[in-house]
Amino acid sequence: MNTNAIGLMLIDAPASILNNHGMDAGELTDNCVIVKTIKRGNKQYPYMSPQALRYIWRNTLSEKFDWKLSPIERDKKTAFTAVNPFEYPDDDVFGYMRAQGKKEGGTVTRMSPLKCTPLISVTEQKPTNDYGVMARHEGNPVPYEYQFYSTIMKGAFSLDLDSVGVYYYKDKTGYKNLSDKSLKKADDYNCKIDEEEKACMMPIEERAKRAKETIAVLPYIYGGAKQTTHLTDLTPKFILLCLFEGGNHIFMNVIKEVNREMILSLEALEEVMTEYKECIKTNIYIGKRKGFLDEMDEQLMTFAKDHTNVTYGSMNDTIQQFTTKIENYYLG
């Protein structure tokens, strides 16, 4: 089974609009912009789509670590990247699909090694409607409405370390990452070819660099809708991390809603640590920003003291320690 860097993070959204749904014709004004929400039973939860999160994640990697992003090409009804994971690390980590004729090498696809959930409010939230006007012109002001919310959002992610920098060229659905034409470029990037597995592997140092930076960028990630008037810090305020053998995500139920309050269940965390101990390949790394969930500090420090396989600390230091483990996974 492949080894994954798995994580669960909490985002503080005190008065925020991270992802808009669009116009709602049923509101009082003709131009009311509503936020994205989902329902569970009768309860409503604001969310930020994974597409929006990945877009921000990708752009921050470009700005923080100088990733050369794959250029976008536009056809009549489709858009696609250069599908060149050798040169563009985002094609490698975020995946791609491009349908093309046999002369151009046929259709190529790559499942993203980085998988993530939406950022979803932990607790039930009915968005607040606000009312404003555009009045910097002559004549009658133009009224408008929009929504925002105050909540804590939860998101999970998983990075398949064994897939980063590894591309298949099998004539099989999901395993044709490279066309024959692209494969000829492998030598230019010092790649190794496994003829039996029909796999092409980037140099191990480059694989380690890409995987490490994908997670190391989290303390610097920023973006979202309406930042001009509802500035929100998108960086995690709480995070759980570990290297895990397999595709499960064991942290999903550690954060939950109880009586419309967010609860961090250390009992749930301890249970999955025990039941999946053979699959957990590092310490459980817990990071928290001061000023967020300060009432949990003592419990978390005691939990880390009572468990030798738990590391608890500040956000940036915790992520830095964990990314060193990612680097060691590749380089030893």
C-alpha atoms as a PDB file:
ATOM      1  CA  MET A   1       0.000   0.000   0.000  1.00  0.00           C
ATOM      2  CA  ASN A   2       1.109   3.540  -0.721  1.00  0.00           C
ATOM      3  CA  THR A   3       2.179   5.896   2.053  1.00  0.00           C
ATOM      4  CA  ASN A   4       0.206   9.127   2.385  1.00  0.00           C
ATOM      5  CA  ALA A   5       0.819  12.351   4.248  1.00  0.00           C
ATOM      6  CA  ILE A   6      -2.601  12.888   5.800  1.00  0.00           C
ATOM      7  CA  GLY A   7      -3.852  15.972   7.576  1.00  0.00           C
ATOM      8  CA  LEU A   8      -6.903  17.561   9.112  1.00  0.00           C
ATOM      9  CA  MET A   9      -7.040  21.333   9.586  1.00  0.00           C
ATOM     10  CA  LEU A  10      -9.290  23.964  11.108  1.00  0.00           C
ATOM     11  CA  ILE A  11      -9.695  27.437   9.594  1.00  0.00           C
ATOM     12  CA  ASP A  12     -11.008  30.341  11.670  1.00  0.00           C
ATOM     13  CA  ALA A  13     -13.593  32.314   9.679  1.00  0.00           C
ATOM     14  CA  PRO A  14     -14.867  35.006  12.096  1.00  0.00           C
ATOM     15  CA  ALA A  15     -16.840  37.130   9.592  1.00  0.00           C
ATOM     16  CA  SER A  16     -16.128  35.588   6.253  1.00  0.00           C
ATOM     17  CA  ILE A  17     -17.139  34.906   2.669  1.00  0.00           C
ATOM     18  CA  LEU A  18     -14.710  32.325   1.338  1.00  0.00           C
ATOM     19  CA  ASN A  19     -16.742  31.055  -1.621  1.00  0.00           C
ATOM     20  CA  ASN A  20     -19.802  32.600  -3.280  1.00  0.00           C
ATOM     21  CA  HIS A  21     -22.586  30.646  -4.937  1.00  0.00           C
ATOM     22  CA  GLY A  22     -23.829  33.503  -7.120  1.00  0.00           C
ATOM     23  CA  MET A  23     -27.005  35.562  -7.462  1.00  0.00           C
ATOM     24  CA  ASP A  24     -30.241  34.665  -5.692  1.00  0.00           C
ATOM     25  CA  ALA A  25     -33.232  36.073  -7.537  1.00  0.00           C
ATOM     26  CA  GLY A  26     -35.514  35.416  -4.572  1.00  0.00           C
ATOM     27  CA  GLU A  27     -34.023  38.039  -2.257  1.00  0.00           C
ATOM     28  CA  LEU A  28     -35.167  41.620  -1.685  1.00  0.00           C
ATOM     29  CA  THR A  29     -32.770  43.217  -4.154  1.00  0.00           C
ATOM     30  CA  ASP A  30     -32.102  42.231  -7.749  1.00  0.00           C
ATOM     31  CA  ASN A  31     -28.445  41.557  -7.032  1.00  0.00           C
ATOM     32  CA  CYS A  32     -28.092  39.452  -3.879  1.00  0.00           C
ATOM     33  CA  VAL A  33     -24.949  37.306  -3.801  1.00  0.00           C
ATOM     34  CA  ILE A  34     -25.258  34.220  -1.588  1.00  0.00           C
ATOM     35  CA  VAL A  35     -22.560  31.979  -0.147  1.00  0.00           C
ATOM     36  CA  LYS A  36     -22.137  28.282  -0.835  1.00  0.00           C
ATOM     37  CA  THR A  37     -23.880  26.041   1.695  1.00  0.00           C
ATOM     38  CA  ILE A  38     -24.800  22.385   2.008  1.00  0.00           C
ATOM     39  CA  LYS A  39     -27.468  20.727   4.108  1.00  0.00           C
ATOM     40  CA  ARG A  40     -27.313  17.760   6.442  1.00  0.00           C
ATOM     41  CA  GLY A  41     -30.876  16.984   7.373  1.00  0.00           C
ATOM     42  CA  ASN A  42     -32.395  20.356   8.232  1.00  0.00           C
ATOM     43  CA  LYS A  43     -29.056  21.902   9.181  1.00  0.00           C
ATOM     44  CA  GLN A  44     -27.185  24.327   6.938  1.00  0.00           C
ATOM     45  CA  TYR A  45     -23.375  24.506   6.685  1.00  0.00           C
ATOM     46  CA  PRO A  46     -21.335  27.075   4.712  1.00  0.00           C
ATOM     47  CA  TYR A  47     -18.431  25.641   2.768  1.00  0.00           C
ATOM     48  CA  MET A  48     -15.527  26.482   0.482  1.00  0.00           C
ATOM     49  CA  SER A  49     -15.309  24.178  -2.513  1.00  0.00           C
ATOM     50  CA  PRO A  50     -12.251  21.937  -2.958  1.00  0.00           C
ATOM     51  CA  GLN A  51     -11.743  23.455  -6.412  1.00  0.00           C
ATOM     52  CA  ALA A  52     -11.397  26.917  -4.852  1.00  0.00           C
ATOM     53  CA  LEU A  53      -9.074  25.585  -2.144  1.00  0.00           C
ATOM     54  CA  ARG A  54      -6.849  23.801  -4.652  1.00  0.00           C
ATOM     55  CA  TYR A  55      -6.685  26.904  -6.846  1.00  0.00           C
ATOM     56  CA  ILE A  56      -5.426  28.942  -3.887  1.00  0.00           C
ATOM     57  CA  TRP A  57      -3.082  26.157  -2.779  1.00  0.00           C
ATOM     58  CA  ARG A  58      -1.538  25.947  -6.243  1.00  0.00           C
ATOM     59  CA  ASN A  59      -1.060  29.721  -6.567  1.00  0.00           C
ATOM     60  CA  THR A  60       0.528  30.005  -3.129  1.00  0.00           C
ATOM     61  CA  LEU A  61       3.050  27.320  -4.087  1.00  0.00           C
ATOM     62  CA  SER A  62       3.961  29.461  -7.091  1.00  0.00           C
ATOM     63  CA  GLU A  63       4.439  32.578  -4.960  1.00  0.00           C
ATOM     64  CA  LYS A  64       6.136  30.992  -1.939  1.00  0.00           C
ATOM     65  CA  PHE A  65       8.313  28.332  -3.559  1.00  0.00           C
ATOM     66  CA  ASP A  66       8.550  29.631  -7.138  1.00  0.00           C
ATOM     67  CA  TRP A  67       6.716  26.704  -8.670  1.00  0.00           C
ATOM     68  CA  LYS A  68       6.530  27.093 -12.423  1.00  0.00           C
ATOM     69  CA  LEU A  69       2.838  26.594 -13.104  1.00  0.00           C
ATOM     70  CA  SER A  70       1.638  24.726 -16.146  1.00  0.00           C
ATOM     71  CA  PRO A  71       0.207  27.106 -18.781  1.00  0.00           C
ATOM     72  CA  ILE A  72      -3.487  26.794 -19.623  1.00  0.00           C
ATOM     73  CA  GLU A  73      -4.584  26.201 -23.204  1.00  0.00           C
ATOM     74  CA  ARG A  74      -8.155  26.807 -24.327  1.00  0.00           C
ATOM     75  CA  ASP A  75     -10.070  24.885 -26.966  1.00  0.00           C
ATOM     76  CA  LYS A  76     -13.630  25.607 -28.117  1.00  0.00           C
ATOM     77  CA  LYS A  77     -15.295  23.978 -25.126  1.00  0.00           C
ATOM     78  CA  THR A  78     -12.413  22.711 -23.022  1.00  0.00           C
ATOM     79  CA  ALA A  79      -9.358  23.991 -21.200  1.00  0.00           C
ATOM     80  CA  PHE A  80      -6.317  21.996 -20.190  1.00  0.00           C
ATOM     81  CA  THR A  81      -2.790  22.367 -18.899  1.00  0.00           C
ATOM     82  CA  ALA A  82       0.414  21.501 -20.752  1.00  0.00           C
ATOM     83  CA  VAL A  83       0.280  17.963 -19.225  1.00  0.00           C
ATOM     84  CA  ASN A  84       4.030  18.079 -18.670  1.00  0.00           C
ATOM     85  CA  PRO A  85       4.726  16.866 -15.099  1.00  0.00           C
ATOM     86  CA  PHE A  86       8.478  16.864 -15.738  1.00  0.00           C
ATOM     87  CA  GLU A  87       8.676  20.630 -16.109  1.00  0.00           C
ATOM     88  CA  TYR A  88       5.599  21.766 -14.165  1.00  0.00           C
ATOM     89  CA  PRO A  89       5.296  20.473 -10.583  1.00  0.00           C
ATOM     90  CA  ASP A  90       1.608  21.432 -10.387  1.00  0.00           C
ATOM     91  CA  ASP A  91       0.841  19.043 -13.259  1.00  0.00           C
ATOM     92  CA  ASP A  92       2.563  16.403 -11.123  1.00  0.00           C
ATOM     93  CA  VAL A  93       0.888  17.135  -7.755  1.00  0.00           C
ATOM     94  CA  PHE A  94      -2.546  18.419  -8.861  1.00  0.00           C
ATOM     95  CA  GLY A  95      -3.087  16.073 -11.815  1.00  0.00           C
ATOM     96  CA  TYR A  96      -4.547  16.642 -15.274  1.00  0.00           C
ATOM     97  CA  MET A  97      -6.592  15.259 -18.160  1.00  0.00           C
ATOM     98  CA  ARG A  98      -6.261  16.036 -21.822  1.00  0.00           C
ATOM     99  CA  ALA A  99      -8.246  14.380 -24.605  1.00  0.00           C
ATOM    100  CA  GLN A 100      -6.376  14.413 -27.896  1.00  0.00           C
ATOM    101  CA  GLY A 101      -6.149  12.434 -31.114  1.00  0.00           C
ATOM    102  CA  LYS A 102      -3.798   9.537 -31.732  1.00  0.00           C
ATOM    103  CA  LYS A 103      -1.493  11.727 -33.777  1.00  0.00           C
ATOM    104  CA  GLU A 104      -0.998  13.954 -30.728  1.00  0.00           C
ATOM    105  CA  GLY A 105      -0.377  10.958 -28.471  1.00  0.00           C
ATOM    106  CA  GLY A 106      -3.893  10.014 -27.393  1.00  0.00           C
ATOM    107  CA  THR A 107      -5.787  10.925 -24.242  1.00  0.00           C
ATOM    108  CA  VAL A 108      -3.629  11.274 -21.131  1.00  0.00           C
ATOM    109  CA  THR A 109      -4.813  11.534 -17.535  1.00  0.00           C
ATOM    110  CA  ARG A 110      -3.175  11.807 -14.137  1.00  0.00           C
ATOM    111  CA  MET A 111      -5.012  11.344 -10.865  1.00  0.00           C
ATOM    112  CA  SER A 112      -3.925  14.026  -8.442  1.00  0.00           C
ATOM    113  CA  PRO A 113      -1.647  12.727  -5.656  1.00  0.00           C
ATOM    114  CA  LEU A 114      -3.089  15.585  -3.557  1.00  0.00           C
ATOM    115  CA  LYS A 115      -6.658  14.940  -2.502  1.00  0.00           C
ATOM    116  CA  CYS A 116      -8.734  17.236  -0.314  1.00  0.00           C
ATOM    117  CA  THR A 117     -12.215  17.750   1.048  1.00  0.00           C
ATOM    118  CA  PRO A 118     -14.160  21.003   0.951  1.00  0.00           C
ATOM    119  CA  LEU A 119     -13.648  23.355   3.886  1.00  0.00           C
ATOM    120  CA  ILE A 120     -16.969  22.909   5.697  1.00  0.00           C
ATOM    121  CA  SER A 121     -18.312  24.669   8.766  1.00  0.00           C
ATOM    122  CA  VAL A 122     -18.031  22.363  11.772  1.00  0.00           C
ATOM    123  CA  THR A 123     -21.238  23.733  13.275  1.00  0.00           C
ATOM    124  CA  GLU A 124     -24.608  24.616  11.821  1.00  0.00           C
ATOM    125  CA  GLN A 125     -24.637  28.192  10.509  1.00  0.00           C
ATOM    126  CA  LYS A 126     -27.357  30.251   8.874  1.00  0.00           C
ATOM    127  CA  PRO A 127     -25.516  32.948   6.875  1.00  0.00           C
ATOM    128  CA  THR A 128     -26.196  36.585   7.771  1.00  0.00           C
ATOM    129  CA  ASN A 129     -27.649  38.840   5.065  1.00  0.00           C
ATOM    130  CA  ASP A 130     -26.058  42.263   4.860  1.00  0.00           C
ATOM    131  CA  TYR A 131     -27.350  45.228   2.892  1.00  0.00           C
ATOM    132  CA  GLY A 132     -25.392  47.954   1.164  1.00  0.00           C
ATOM    133  CA  VAL A 133     -25.514  50.514  -1.612  1.00  0.00           C
ATOM    134  CA  MET A 134     -23.257  51.713  -4.383  1.00  0.00           C
ATOM    135  CA  ALA A 135     -23.538  55.503  -4.090  1.00  0.00           C
ATOM    136  CA  ARG A 136     -20.357  56.974  -5.572  1.00  0.00           C
ATOM    137  CA  HIS A 137     -22.142  58.231  -8.645  1.00  0.00           C
ATOM    138  CA  GLU A 138     -24.802  60.742  -9.621  1.00  0.00           C
ATOM    139  CA  GLY A 139     -28.406  59.640  -9.361  1.00  0.00           C
ATOM    140  CA  ASN A 140     -30.067  57.043  -7.199  1.00  0.00           C
ATOM    141  CA  PRO A 141     -27.870  54.645  -5.222  1.00  0.00           C
ATOM    142  CA  VAL A 142     -27.828  50.996  -6.323  1.00  0.00           C
ATOM    143  CA  PRO A 143     -28.784  48.631  -3.490  1.00  0.00           C
ATOM    144  CA  TYR A 144     -27.289  45.176  -3.121  1.00  0.00           C
ATOM    145  CA  GLU A 145     -27.253  42.300  -0.648  1.00  0.00           C
ATOM    146  CA  TYR A 146     -24.683  39.692   0.231  1.00  0.00           C
ATOM    147  CA  GLN A 147     -24.140  36.991   2.839  1.00  0.00           C
ATOM    148  CA  PHE A 148     -21.381  36.157   5.291  1.00  0.00           C
ATOM    149  CA  TYR A 149     -20.907  33.875   8.284  1.00  0.00           C
ATOM    150  CA  SER A 150     -18.881  33.394  11.478  1.00  0.00           C
ATOM    151  CA  THR A 151     -17.668  29.843  12.006  1.00  0.00           C
ATOM    152  CA  ILE A 152     -14.783  27.390  12.187  1.00  0.00           C
ATOM    153  CA  MET A 153     -14.234  25.316   9.057  1.00  0.00           C
ATOM    154  CA  LYS A 154     -12.789  21.821   8.842  1.00  0.00           C
ATOM    155  CA  GLY A 155     -10.921  20.327   5.914  1.00  0.00           C
ATOM    156  CA  ALA A 156      -8.926  17.148   5.323  1.00  0.00           C
ATOM    157  CA  PHE A 157      -6.242  16.322   2.781  1.00  0.00           C
ATOM    158  CA  SER A 158      -4.022  13.457   1.709  1.00  0.00           C
ATOM    159  CA  LEU A 159      -0.828  13.478  -0.359  1.00  0.00           C
ATOM    160  CA  ASP A 160       0.208  10.161  -1.931  1.00  0.00           C
ATOM    161  CA  LEU A 161       3.986  10.209  -1.510  1.00  0.00           C
ATOM    162  CA  ASP A 162       4.551   7.168  -3.714  1.00  0.00           C
ATOM    163  CA  SER A 163       2.735   8.826  -6.626  1.00  0.00           C
ATOM    164  CA  VAL A 164       4.545  12.179  -6.556  1.00  0.00           C
ATOM    165  CA  GLY A 165       7.044  12.204  -9.416  1.00  0.00           C
ATOM    166  CA  VAL A 166       5.979   8.776 -10.729  1.00  0.00           C
ATOM    167  CA  TYR A 167       4.185   8.569 -14.090  1.00  0.00           C
ATOM    168  CA  TYR A 168       2.825   5.500 -15.856  1.00  0.00           C
ATOM    169  CA  TYR A 169       2.548   4.964 -19.580  1.00  0.00           C
ATOM    170  CA  LYS A 170       0.350   1.868 -19.635  1.00  0.00           C
ATOM    171  CA  ASP A 171      -2.411   1.660 -22.207  1.00  0.00           C
ATOM    172  CA  LYS A 172      -4.956   1.376 -19.412  1.00  0.00           C
ATOM    173  CA  THR A 173      -7.559   3.764 -18.033  1.00  0.00           C
ATOM    174  CA  GLY A 174      -6.030   5.867 -15.281  1.00  0.00           C
ATOM    175  CA  TYR A 175      -2.519   4.635 -15.989  1.00  0.00           C
ATOM    176  CA  LYS A 176      -1.693   6.555 -19.120  1.00  0.00           C
ATOM    177  CA  ASN A 177      -0.078   9.620 -17.574  1.00  0.00           C
ATOM    178  CA  LEU A 178       2.314  10.157 -20.487  1.00  0.00           C
ATOM    179  CA  SER A 179       1.995   9.937 -24.238  1.00  0.00           C
ATOM    180  CA  ASP A 180       4.777   8.319 -26.249  1.00  0.00           C
ATOM    181  CA  LYS A 181       5.837  11.793 -27.300  1.00  0.00           C
ATOM    182  CA  SER A 182       6.077  12.993 -23.690  1.00  0.00           C
ATOM    183  CA  LEU A 183       7.953   9.872 -22.632  1.00  0.00           C
ATOM    184  CA  LYS A 184      10.780  10.771 -24.990  1.00  0.00           C
ATOM    185  CA  LYS A 185      11.468  13.833 -22.822  1.00  0.00           C
ATOM    186  CA  ALA A 186      12.196  11.723 -19.721  1.00  0.00           C
ATOM    187  CA  ASP A 187      15.948  11.609 -20.297  1.00  0.00           C
ATOM    188  CA  ASP A 188      16.080  15.412 -20.366  1.00  0.00           C
ATOM    189  CA  TYR A 189      14.958  15.400 -16.708  1.00  0.00           C
ATOM    190  CA  ASN A 190      17.193  12.512 -15.548  1.00  0.00           C
ATOM    191  CA  CYS A 191      14.226  10.224 -15.012  1.00  0.00           C
ATOM    192  CA  LYS A 192      14.468   6.488 -14.443  1.00  0.00           C
ATOM    193  CA  ILE A 193      12.397   4.103 -16.549  1.00  0.00           C
ATOM    194  CA  ASP A 194      10.957   0.882 -15.171  1.00  0.00           C
ATOM    195  CA  GLU A 195      10.143  -1.092 -18.325  1.00  0.00           C
ATOM    196  CA  GLU A 196       8.409  -3.907 -16.437  1.00  0.00           C
ATOM    197  CA  GLU A 197       6.018  -1.569 -14.579  1.00  0.00           C
ATOM    198  CA  LYS A 198       5.918   0.889 -17.470  1.00  0.00           C
ATOM    199  CA  ALA A 199       6.680   3.689 -15.048  1.00  0.00           C
ATOM    200  CA  CYS A 200       8.812   6.809 -15.299  1.00  0.00           C
ATOM    201  CA  MET A 201      10.285   8.257 -12.084  1.00  0.00           C
ATOM    202  CA  MET A 202      11.659  11.733 -11.465  1.00  0.00           C
ATOM    203  CA  PRO A 203      14.934  12.000  -9.505  1.00  0.00           C
ATOM    204  CA  ILE A 204      14.278  11.212  -5.845  1.00  0.00           C
ATOM    205  CA  GLU A 205      15.513  14.647  -4.725  1.00  0.00           C
ATOM    206  CA  GLU A 206      12.935  16.387  -6.916  1.00  0.00           C
ATOM    207  CA  ARG A 207      10.157  14.119  -5.678  1.00  0.00           C
ATOM    208  CA  ALA A 208      11.085  14.909  -2.074  1.00  0.00           C
ATOM    209  CA  LYS A 209      11.192  18.635  -2.793  1.00  0.00           C
ATOM    210  CA  ARG A 210       7.753  18.717  -4.434  1.00  0.00           C
ATOM    211  CA  ALA A 211       6.061  16.659  -1.715  1.00  0.00           C
ATOM    212  CA  LYS A 212       7.681  18.614   1.108  1.00  0.00           C
ATOM    213  CA  GLU A 213       6.776  22.011  -0.343  1.00  0.00           C
ATOM    214  CA  THR A 214       3.171  20.960  -0.983  1.00  0.00           C
ATOM    215  CA  ILE A 215       2.653  20.623   2.781  1.00  0.00           C
ATOM    216  CA  ALA A 216       5.179  23.267   3.896  1.00  0.00           C
ATOM    217  CA  VAL A 217       3.163  25.989   2.101  1.00  0.00           C
ATOM    218  CA  LEU A 218       0.149  25.609   4.425  1.00  0.00           C
ATOM    219  CA  PRO A 219       1.211  28.349   6.912  1.00  0.00           C
ATOM    220  CA  TYR A 220       1.295  30.825   4.010  1.00  0.00           C
ATOM    221  CA  ILE A 221      -1.816  29.915   2.019  1.00  0.00           C
ATOM    222  CA  TYR A 222      -4.195  32.804   1.409  1.00  0.00           C
ATOM    223  CA  GLY A 223      -7.151  33.789  -0.729  1.00  0.00           C
ATOM    224  CA  GLY A 224     -10.918  33.392  -0.943  1.00  0.00           C
ATOM    225  CA  ALA A 225     -13.813  35.634  -1.950  1.00  0.00           C
ATOM    226  CA  LYS A 226     -14.530  39.188  -0.724  1.00  0.00           C
ATOM    227  CA  GLN A 227     -11.148  39.641   0.950  1.00  0.00           C
ATOM    228  CA  THR A 228     -11.392  43.416   0.430  1.00  0.00           C
ATOM    229  CA  THR A 229     -14.252  43.767   2.922  1.00  0.00           C
ATOM    230  CA  HIS A 230     -14.170  40.461   4.837  1.00  0.00           C
ATOM    231  CA  LEU A 231     -10.460  39.708   5.148  1.00  0.00           C
ATOM    232  CA  THR A 232      -9.966  36.148   6.409  1.00  0.00           C
ATOM    233  CA  ASP A 233      -6.714  34.410   7.237  1.00  0.00           C
ATOM    234  CA  LEU A 234      -6.968  31.091   5.410  1.00  0.00           C
ATOM    235  CA  THR A 235      -3.967  29.479   7.117  1.00  0.00           C
ATOM    236  CA  PRO A 236      -4.732  26.573   9.479  1.00  0.00           C
ATOM    237  CA  LYS A 237      -5.168  27.457  13.157  1.00  0.00           C
ATOM    238  CA  PHE A 238      -5.181  23.799  14.205  1.00  0.00           C
ATOM    239  CA  ILE A 239      -3.730  20.818  12.350  1.00  0.00           C
ATOM    240  CA  LEU A 240      -3.276  17.058  12.743  1.00  0.00           C
ATOM    241  CA  LEU A 241      -0.631  15.318  10.602  1.00  0.00           C
ATOM    242  CA  CYS A 242       1.023  11.939  10.159  1.00  0.00           C
ATOM    243  CA  LEU A 243       2.425   9.584   7.540  1.00  0.00           C
ATOM    244  CA  PHE A 244      -0.023   6.742   7.015  1.00  0.00           C
ATOM    245  CA  GLU A 245       0.280   3.505   5.064  1.00  0.00           C
ATOM    246  CA  GLY A 246      -2.931   3.138   3.092  1.00  0.00           C
ATOM    247  CA  GLY A 247      -5.708   5.289   1.683  1.00  0.00           C
ATOM    248  CA  ASN A 248      -7.794   5.712   4.840  1.00  0.00           C
ATOM    249  CA  HIS A 249      -8.112   9.106   6.500  1.00  0.00           C
ATOM    250  CA  ILE A 250      -8.228   8.343  10.213  1.00  0.00           C
ATOM    251  CA  PHE A 251      -8.735  11.920  11.449  1.00  0.00           C
ATOM    252  CA  MET A 252     -12.144  12.543   9.845  1.00  0.00           C
ATOM    253  CA  ASN A 253     -14.194  12.111  13.053  1.00  0.00           C
ATOM    254  CA  VAL A 254     -11.839  13.729  15.555  1.00  0.00           C
ATOM    255  CA  ILE A 255     -13.563  17.118  15.155  1.00  0.00           C
ATOM    256  CA  LYS A 256     -17.343  17.013  15.529  1.00  0.00           C
ATOM    257  CA  GLU A 257     -20.434  19.059  16.342  1.00  0.00           C
ATOM    258  CA  VAL A 258     -22.186  18.553  19.677  1.00  0.00           C
ATOM    259  CA  ASN A 259     -25.173  20.771  20.544  1.00  0.00           C
ATOM    260  CA  ARG A 260     -24.073  23.319  17.917  1.00  0.00           C
ATOM    261  CA  GLU A 261     -20.600  23.522  19.464  1.00  0.00           C
ATOM    262  CA  MET A 262     -17.315  22.309  17.973  1.00  0.00           C
ATOM    263  CA  ILE A 263     -15.679  19.506  19.960  1.00  0.00           C
ATOM    264  CA  LEU A 264     -12.147  18.106  19.607  1.00  0.00           C
ATOM    265  CA  SER A 265     -12.465  14.487  20.713  1.00  0.00           C
ATOM    266  CA  LEU A 266      -9.146  13.237  22.084  1.00  0.00           C
ATOM    267  CA  GLU A 267     -10.892   9.942  22.833  1.00  0.00           C
ATOM    268  CA  ALA A 268     -11.640   9.516  19.119  1.00  0.00           C
ATOM    269  CA  LEU A 269      -8.045  10.396  18.261  1.00  0.00           C
ATOM    270  CA  GLU A 270      -6.684   7.927  20.785  1.00  0.00           C
ATOM    271  CA  GLU A 271      -8.919   5.190  19.410  1.00  0.00           C
ATOM    272  CA  VAL A 272      -7.705   5.523  15.808  1.00  0.00           C
ATOM    273  CA  MET A 273      -4.103   5.816  17.028  1.00  0.00           C
ATOM    274  CA  THR A 274      -4.528   2.439  18.737  1.00  0.00           C
ATOM    275  CA  GLU A 275      -6.500   0.663  16.032  1.00  0.00           C
ATOM    276  CA  TYR A 276      -4.254   1.853  13.167  1.00  0.00           C
ATOM    277  CA  LYS A 277      -0.922   1.791  15.001  1.00  0.00           C
ATOM    278  CA  GLU A 278       0.602  -0.574  12.440  1.00  0.00           C
ATOM    279  CA  CYS A 279      -0.269   1.833   9.613  1.00  0.00           C
ATOM    280  CA  ILE A 280       0.914   5.056  11.289  1.00  0.00           C
ATOM    281  CA  LYS A 281       4.536   5.559  10.248  1.00  0.00           C
ATOM    282  CA  THR A 282       5.421   8.695  12.222  1.00  0.00           C
ATOM    283  CA  ASN A 283       4.352  10.512  15.334  1.00  0.00           C
ATOM    284  CA  ILE A 284       0.978  12.195  15.307  1.00  0.00           C
ATOM    285  CA  TYR A 285       1.837  15.873  14.886  1.00  0.00           C
ATOM    286  CA  ILE A 286      -0.572  18.370  16.458  1.00  0.00           C
ATOM    287  CA  GLY A 287      -0.089  22.078  15.746  1.00  0.00           C
ATOM    288  CA  LYS A 288      -2.123  24.986  17.101  1.00  0.00           C
ATOM    289  CA  ARG A 289      -1.934  28.743  16.784  1.00  0.00           C
ATOM    290  CA  LYS A 290      -1.943  30.707  20.051  1.00  0.00           C
ATOM    291  CA  GLY A 291      -5.213  32.585  20.469  1.00  0.00           C
ATOM    292  CA  PHE A 292      -7.218  29.755  18.901  1.00  0.00           C
ATOM    293  CA  LEU A 293      -8.794  27.082  21.143  1.00  0.00           C
ATOM    294  CA  ASP A 294      -6.599  28.225  24.018  1.00  0.00           C
ATOM    295  CA  GLU A 295      -8.920  26.368  26.393  1.00  0.00           C
ATOM    296  CA  MET A 296      -7.540  23.124  24.866  1.00  0.00           C
ATOM    297  CA  ASP A 297      -3.875  23.901  25.541  1.00  0.00           C
ATOM    298  CA  GLU A 298      -3.611  22.069  28.844  1.00  0.00           C
ATOM    299  CA  GLN A 299      -5.481  18.998  27.556  1.00  0.00           C
ATOM    300  CA  LEU A 300      -3.334  18.820  24.437  1.00  0.00           C
ATOM    301  CA  MET A 301      -0.087  19.215  26.383  1.00  0.00           C
ATOM    302  CA  THR A 302      -1.171  16.461  28.775  1.00  0.00           C
ATOM    303  CA  PHE A 303      -2.221  14.242  25.852  1.00  0.00           C
ATOM    304  CA  ALA A 304       1.194  14.674  24.216  1.00  0.00           C
ATOM    305  CA  LYS A 305       2.964  14.008  27.529  1.00  0.00           C
ATOM    306  CA  ASP A 306       0.972  10.795  28.021  1.00  0.00           C
ATOM    307  CA  HIS A 307       1.655   9.515  24.489  1.00  0.00           C
ATOM    308  CA  THR A 308       5.257   9.208  23.336  1.00  0.00           C
ATOM    309  CA  ASN A 309       4.110   9.080  19.706  1.00  0.00           C
ATOM    310  CA  VAL A 310       2.419  12.512  19.828  1.00  0.00           C
ATOM    311  CA  THR A 311       4.199  15.808  19.133  1.00  0.00           C
ATOM    312  CA  TYR A 312       2.405  19.019  20.091  1.00  0.00           C
ATOM    313  CA  GLY A 313       3.624  22.539  19.319  1.00  0.00           C
ATOM    314  CA  SER A 314       3.145  25.781  17.453  1.00  0.00           C
ATOM    315  CA  MET A 315       1.691  25.713  13.958  1.00  0.00           C
ATOM    316  CA  ASN A 316       4.731  26.585  11.836  1.00  0.00           C
ATOM    317  CA  ASP A 317       7.166  24.527  13.915  1.00  0.00           C
ATOM    318  CA  THR A 318       4.884  21.475  13.809  1.00  0.00           C
ATOM    319  CA  ILE A 319       4.509  21.637  10.021  1.00  0.00           C
ATOM    320  CA  GLN A 320       8.261  22.119   9.628  1.00  0.00           C
ATOM    321  CA  GLN A 321       8.974  19.021  11.749  1.00  0.00           C
ATOM    322  CA  PHE A 322       6.455  16.990   9.781  1.00  0.00           C
ATOM    323  CA  THR A 323       7.793  18.021   6.372  1.00  0.00           C
ATOM    324  CA  THR A 324      11.229  16.851   7.513  1.00  0.00           C
ATOM    325  CA  LYS A 325       9.652  13.410   7.946  1.00  0.00           C
ATOM    326  CA  ILE A 326       8.318  13.650   4.389  1.00  0.00           C
ATOM    327  CA  GLU A 327      11.789  14.476   3.120  1.00  0.00           C
ATOM    328  CA  ASN A 328      13.277  11.582   5.114  1.00  0.00           C
ATOM    329  CA  TYR A 329      10.713   9.207   3.593  1.00  0.00           C
ATOM    330  CA  TYR A 330      12.330   9.765   0.203  1.00  0.00           C
ATOM    331  CA  LEU A 331      15.966  10.401   1.114  1.00  0.00           C
ATOM    332  CA  GLY A 332      16.354   8.243   4.235  1.00  0.00           C
END
